[in-house]
N, C-alpha and C. Protein backbone atom coordinates (compact mmCIF):
# COMPACT_ATOMS: atom_id res chain seq x y z
N MET A 1 -12.87 6.59 9.86
CA MET A 1 -12.66 5.80 8.66
C MET A 1 -11.95 6.67 7.63
N THR A 2 -10.87 6.14 7.03
CA THR A 2 -10.12 6.92 6.05
C THR A 2 -10.87 6.99 4.73
N GLU A 3 -10.45 7.93 3.90
CA GLU A 3 -11.08 8.07 2.59
C GLU A 3 -10.92 6.80 1.75
N LYS A 4 -9.74 6.18 1.84
CA LYS A 4 -9.49 4.95 1.07
C LYS A 4 -10.45 3.85 1.51
N MET A 5 -10.67 3.73 2.83
CA MET A 5 -11.59 2.71 3.33
C MET A 5 -13.01 3.00 2.88
N LYS A 6 -13.41 4.29 2.88
CA LYS A 6 -14.74 4.66 2.43
C LYS A 6 -14.93 4.31 0.95
N ARG A 7 -13.90 4.60 0.14
CA ARG A 7 -13.99 4.29 -1.28
C ARG A 7 -14.09 2.79 -1.50
N THR A 8 -13.32 2.03 -0.73
CA THR A 8 -13.36 0.56 -0.85
C THR A 8 -14.75 0.05 -0.51
N GLU A 9 -15.35 0.60 0.54
CA GLU A 9 -16.70 0.19 0.93
C GLU A 9 -17.71 0.57 -0.15
N GLU A 10 -17.56 1.78 -0.70
CA GLU A 10 -18.47 2.22 -1.76
C GLU A 10 -18.33 1.33 -2.99
N LEU A 11 -17.09 0.97 -3.31
CA LEU A 11 -16.85 0.08 -4.46
C LEU A 11 -17.50 -1.27 -4.22
N ALA A 12 -17.38 -1.79 -3.00
CA ALA A 12 -18.01 -3.07 -2.67
C ALA A 12 -19.52 -2.98 -2.83
N LEU A 13 -20.10 -1.87 -2.41
CA LEU A 13 -21.54 -1.69 -2.55
C LEU A 13 -21.93 -1.62 -4.02
N THR A 14 -21.13 -0.94 -4.82
CA THR A 14 -21.41 -0.82 -6.25
C THR A 14 -21.31 -2.17 -6.92
N GLU A 15 -20.25 -2.92 -6.60
CA GLU A 15 -20.07 -4.24 -7.20
C GLU A 15 -21.20 -5.19 -6.82
N LEU A 16 -21.68 -5.08 -5.60
CA LEU A 16 -22.77 -5.93 -5.16
C LEU A 16 -24.10 -5.52 -5.78
N GLY A 17 -24.16 -4.26 -6.25
CA GLY A 17 -25.39 -3.76 -6.83
C GLY A 17 -26.49 -3.63 -5.80
N THR A 18 -26.11 -3.42 -4.57
CA THR A 18 -27.08 -3.34 -3.49
C THR A 18 -26.60 -2.34 -2.46
N LEU A 19 -27.48 -1.98 -1.56
CA LEU A 19 -27.10 -1.07 -0.49
C LEU A 19 -26.84 -1.82 0.81
N GLU A 20 -26.74 -3.15 0.73
CA GLU A 20 -26.43 -3.94 1.91
C GLU A 20 -25.03 -3.59 2.40
N LYS A 21 -24.90 -3.54 3.72
CA LYS A 21 -23.60 -3.25 4.32
C LYS A 21 -22.66 -4.43 4.08
N PRO A 22 -21.45 -4.17 3.54
CA PRO A 22 -20.52 -5.27 3.32
C PRO A 22 -20.01 -5.81 4.66
N GLU A 23 -19.54 -7.04 4.65
CA GLU A 23 -19.02 -7.67 5.85
C GLU A 23 -17.75 -6.95 6.31
N THR A 24 -17.62 -6.71 7.59
CA THR A 24 -16.45 -6.03 8.14
C THR A 24 -15.44 -7.04 8.65
N VAL A 25 -14.25 -6.56 8.95
CA VAL A 25 -13.23 -7.42 9.56
C VAL A 25 -13.76 -7.94 10.90
N ALA A 26 -14.43 -7.07 11.66
CA ALA A 26 -14.99 -7.49 12.95
C ALA A 26 -16.00 -8.62 12.77
N ASP A 27 -16.81 -8.56 11.71
CA ASP A 27 -17.76 -9.65 11.42
C ASP A 27 -17.02 -10.96 11.17
N LEU A 28 -15.93 -10.88 10.42
CA LEU A 28 -15.14 -12.08 10.13
C LEU A 28 -14.51 -12.65 11.39
N VAL A 29 -14.00 -11.77 12.26
CA VAL A 29 -13.41 -12.24 13.52
C VAL A 29 -14.47 -12.89 14.40
N ARG A 30 -15.65 -12.31 14.42
CA ARG A 30 -16.76 -12.89 15.19
C ARG A 30 -17.04 -14.32 14.69
N ARG A 31 -17.09 -14.47 13.36
CA ARG A 31 -17.32 -15.80 12.78
C ARG A 31 -16.17 -16.75 13.11
N MET A 32 -14.94 -16.23 13.05
CA MET A 32 -13.77 -17.05 13.35
C MET A 32 -13.82 -17.56 14.79
N LEU A 33 -14.19 -16.69 15.72
CA LEU A 33 -14.32 -17.11 17.12
C LEU A 33 -15.36 -18.22 17.26
N GLN A 34 -16.47 -18.09 16.55
CA GLN A 34 -17.50 -19.13 16.59
C GLN A 34 -16.96 -20.44 16.03
N MET A 35 -16.16 -20.35 14.96
CA MET A 35 -15.63 -21.56 14.32
C MET A 35 -14.68 -22.34 15.22
N ILE A 36 -14.04 -21.65 16.18
CA ILE A 36 -13.14 -22.37 17.09
C ILE A 36 -13.86 -22.72 18.40
N GLY A 37 -15.18 -22.56 18.41
CA GLY A 37 -15.98 -22.99 19.55
C GLY A 37 -16.17 -21.96 20.63
N GLU A 38 -15.82 -20.71 20.37
CA GLU A 38 -15.99 -19.64 21.36
C GLU A 38 -17.33 -18.95 21.15
N ASP A 39 -17.79 -18.30 22.20
CA ASP A 39 -19.00 -17.50 22.12
C ASP A 39 -18.59 -16.03 22.07
N PRO A 40 -18.66 -15.38 20.91
CA PRO A 40 -18.20 -13.99 20.80
C PRO A 40 -19.07 -13.01 21.59
N ASP A 41 -20.19 -13.47 22.13
CA ASP A 41 -21.05 -12.60 22.92
C ASP A 41 -20.82 -12.73 24.43
N ARG A 42 -19.89 -13.60 24.83
CA ARG A 42 -19.63 -13.71 26.27
C ARG A 42 -18.85 -12.49 26.73
N ASP A 43 -18.86 -12.24 28.04
CA ASP A 43 -18.27 -11.02 28.59
C ASP A 43 -16.85 -10.75 28.11
N GLY A 44 -15.98 -11.72 28.17
CA GLY A 44 -14.58 -11.50 27.81
C GLY A 44 -14.33 -11.24 26.34
N LEU A 45 -15.24 -11.65 25.49
CA LEU A 45 -15.04 -11.52 24.05
C LEU A 45 -16.00 -10.54 23.38
N ARG A 46 -16.89 -9.95 24.14
CA ARG A 46 -17.97 -9.15 23.56
C ARG A 46 -17.49 -8.09 22.57
N HIS A 47 -16.43 -7.37 22.88
CA HIS A 47 -15.95 -6.30 21.99
C HIS A 47 -14.62 -6.66 21.30
N THR A 48 -14.20 -7.92 21.43
CA THR A 48 -12.94 -8.36 20.84
C THR A 48 -12.90 -8.20 19.32
N PRO A 49 -13.94 -8.56 18.57
CA PRO A 49 -13.86 -8.40 17.12
C PRO A 49 -13.58 -6.94 16.70
N GLU A 50 -14.21 -5.99 17.35
CA GLU A 50 -13.98 -4.59 17.02
C GLU A 50 -12.58 -4.15 17.44
N ARG A 51 -12.13 -4.63 18.61
CA ARG A 51 -10.76 -4.29 19.06
C ARG A 51 -9.73 -4.88 18.10
N PHE A 52 -9.98 -6.11 17.64
CA PHE A 52 -9.05 -6.75 16.71
C PHE A 52 -8.98 -5.96 15.41
N GLU A 53 -10.13 -5.56 14.88
CA GLU A 53 -10.14 -4.80 13.63
C GLU A 53 -9.39 -3.48 13.80
N LYS A 54 -9.62 -2.79 14.90
CA LYS A 54 -8.94 -1.52 15.16
C LYS A 54 -7.42 -1.73 15.25
N ALA A 55 -6.99 -2.78 15.96
CA ALA A 55 -5.57 -3.08 16.10
C ALA A 55 -4.95 -3.44 14.75
N LEU A 56 -5.64 -4.25 13.97
CA LEU A 56 -5.13 -4.66 12.66
C LEU A 56 -4.99 -3.46 11.74
N ARG A 57 -5.96 -2.58 11.75
CA ARG A 57 -5.87 -1.37 10.92
C ARG A 57 -4.70 -0.49 11.37
N PHE A 58 -4.46 -0.39 12.69
CA PHE A 58 -3.34 0.40 13.20
C PHE A 58 -2.02 -0.24 12.79
N LEU A 59 -1.88 -1.55 12.98
CA LEU A 59 -0.62 -2.23 12.68
C LEU A 59 -0.29 -2.25 11.20
N THR A 60 -1.27 -2.11 10.35
CA THR A 60 -1.02 -2.09 8.90
C THR A 60 -1.16 -0.69 8.31
N SER A 61 -1.32 0.32 9.15
CA SER A 61 -1.55 1.68 8.66
C SER A 61 -0.34 2.24 7.90
N GLY A 62 0.83 1.72 8.16
CA GLY A 62 2.02 2.21 7.46
C GLY A 62 1.98 1.97 5.96
N TYR A 63 1.22 0.99 5.53
CA TYR A 63 1.13 0.70 4.10
C TYR A 63 0.51 1.87 3.33
N GLN A 64 -0.30 2.69 4.00
CA GLN A 64 -0.94 3.82 3.34
C GLN A 64 -0.15 5.12 3.51
N GLN A 65 0.95 5.09 4.24
CA GLN A 65 1.73 6.30 4.48
C GLN A 65 2.69 6.58 3.33
N ASP A 66 2.89 7.85 3.07
CA ASP A 66 3.83 8.30 2.05
C ASP A 66 5.18 8.52 2.73
N PRO A 67 6.21 7.70 2.40
CA PRO A 67 7.49 7.84 3.08
C PRO A 67 8.14 9.22 2.89
N GLU A 68 7.96 9.82 1.73
CA GLU A 68 8.53 11.15 1.51
C GLU A 68 7.89 12.18 2.44
N LYS A 69 6.59 12.08 2.61
CA LYS A 69 5.90 12.99 3.51
C LYS A 69 6.30 12.73 4.96
N LEU A 70 6.47 11.46 5.31
CA LEU A 70 6.84 11.08 6.66
C LEU A 70 8.25 11.58 7.01
N LEU A 71 9.18 11.42 6.07
CA LEU A 71 10.56 11.86 6.31
C LEU A 71 10.69 13.38 6.26
N ASN A 72 9.79 14.04 5.55
CA ASN A 72 9.74 15.50 5.51
C ASN A 72 11.10 16.11 5.17
N GLY A 73 11.78 15.52 4.18
CA GLY A 73 13.06 16.07 3.73
C GLY A 73 14.19 15.89 4.73
N ALA A 74 14.11 14.92 5.61
CA ALA A 74 15.12 14.74 6.65
C ALA A 74 16.35 13.97 6.17
N MET A 75 16.60 13.98 4.89
CA MET A 75 17.81 13.34 4.35
C MET A 75 18.80 14.46 4.02
N PHE A 76 20.01 14.31 4.53
CA PHE A 76 21.00 15.36 4.37
C PHE A 76 22.26 14.81 3.74
N SER A 77 22.85 15.58 2.84
CA SER A 77 24.14 15.24 2.25
C SER A 77 25.21 16.00 3.01
N VAL A 78 26.08 15.25 3.68
CA VAL A 78 27.16 15.88 4.43
C VAL A 78 28.44 15.09 4.20
N CYS A 79 29.55 15.78 4.34
CA CYS A 79 30.86 15.13 4.25
C CYS A 79 31.22 14.64 5.65
N TYR A 80 30.90 13.40 5.92
CA TYR A 80 31.13 12.84 7.24
C TYR A 80 31.35 11.36 7.06
N ASP A 81 32.44 10.83 7.61
CA ASP A 81 32.74 9.42 7.39
C ASP A 81 32.64 8.57 8.67
N GLN A 82 31.98 9.09 9.68
CA GLN A 82 31.80 8.35 10.93
C GLN A 82 30.37 7.81 11.01
N MET A 83 30.21 6.75 11.77
CA MET A 83 28.90 6.16 11.93
C MET A 83 28.04 7.04 12.85
N VAL A 84 26.78 7.18 12.48
CA VAL A 84 25.83 7.92 13.30
C VAL A 84 24.89 6.90 13.92
N LEU A 85 24.75 6.97 15.23
CA LEU A 85 23.86 6.05 15.94
C LEU A 85 22.65 6.81 16.45
N VAL A 86 21.49 6.22 16.24
CA VAL A 86 20.26 6.75 16.81
C VAL A 86 19.69 5.62 17.66
N LYS A 87 19.46 5.89 18.94
CA LYS A 87 19.03 4.83 19.85
C LYS A 87 17.56 4.96 20.20
N ASP A 88 17.02 3.84 20.68
CA ASP A 88 15.66 3.78 21.22
C ASP A 88 14.57 4.21 20.24
N ILE A 89 14.71 3.81 19.00
CA ILE A 89 13.67 4.06 18.01
C ILE A 89 12.61 2.97 18.17
N GLU A 90 11.40 3.37 18.49
CA GLU A 90 10.34 2.38 18.67
C GLU A 90 9.89 1.84 17.32
N ILE A 91 9.71 0.54 17.26
CA ILE A 91 9.20 -0.10 16.04
C ILE A 91 8.02 -0.97 16.40
N TYR A 92 7.13 -1.12 15.47
CA TYR A 92 6.03 -2.06 15.61
C TYR A 92 5.60 -2.46 14.21
N SER A 93 5.15 -3.68 14.10
CA SER A 93 4.70 -4.15 12.80
C SER A 93 3.85 -5.39 13.01
N LEU A 94 3.60 -6.08 11.93
CA LEU A 94 2.76 -7.27 11.95
C LEU A 94 3.46 -8.36 11.15
N CYS A 95 3.67 -9.50 11.76
CA CYS A 95 4.27 -10.63 11.05
C CYS A 95 3.25 -11.12 10.02
N GLU A 96 3.63 -11.05 8.76
CA GLU A 96 2.67 -11.43 7.71
C GLU A 96 2.46 -12.93 7.63
N HIS A 97 3.32 -13.70 8.23
CA HIS A 97 3.16 -15.15 8.20
C HIS A 97 2.21 -15.66 9.29
N HIS A 98 2.16 -14.95 10.40
CA HIS A 98 1.34 -15.39 11.54
C HIS A 98 0.26 -14.39 11.92
N LEU A 99 0.27 -13.22 11.31
CA LEU A 99 -0.65 -12.13 11.66
C LEU A 99 -0.57 -11.79 13.14
N MET A 100 0.64 -11.83 13.67
CA MET A 100 0.89 -11.50 15.08
C MET A 100 1.73 -10.22 15.14
N PRO A 101 1.39 -9.34 16.06
CA PRO A 101 2.18 -8.11 16.19
C PRO A 101 3.52 -8.36 16.85
N PHE A 102 4.49 -7.52 16.50
CA PHE A 102 5.76 -7.51 17.22
C PHE A 102 6.17 -6.05 17.37
N PHE A 103 6.91 -5.78 18.42
CA PHE A 103 7.31 -4.41 18.71
C PHE A 103 8.60 -4.43 19.52
N GLY A 104 9.25 -3.31 19.55
CA GLY A 104 10.49 -3.20 20.31
C GLY A 104 11.15 -1.87 20.04
N LYS A 105 12.42 -1.80 20.39
CA LYS A 105 13.22 -0.59 20.17
C LYS A 105 14.47 -0.95 19.40
């Protein structure tokens, strides 16, 4: 768990004025599965809420990254007027309209 996530959880506990554990993304996914008529405790779905939360946190982890730190000064000023091609750069993200992952090169 990142420091930001820990602080968010601590803030939620403070706002609630209680030591009750706040609801997790996995808890919400479990409820969502129940709402569509699925049994989140059946074999195929037993660990799906936790896997979904882990995947969602990974796919949105770029929002917490510092681009300057990531690029590490890799911007160069050069006198060059030709196009530079870099191939096979892997990309992945999350469609904010559908909450579905997409990836490619």
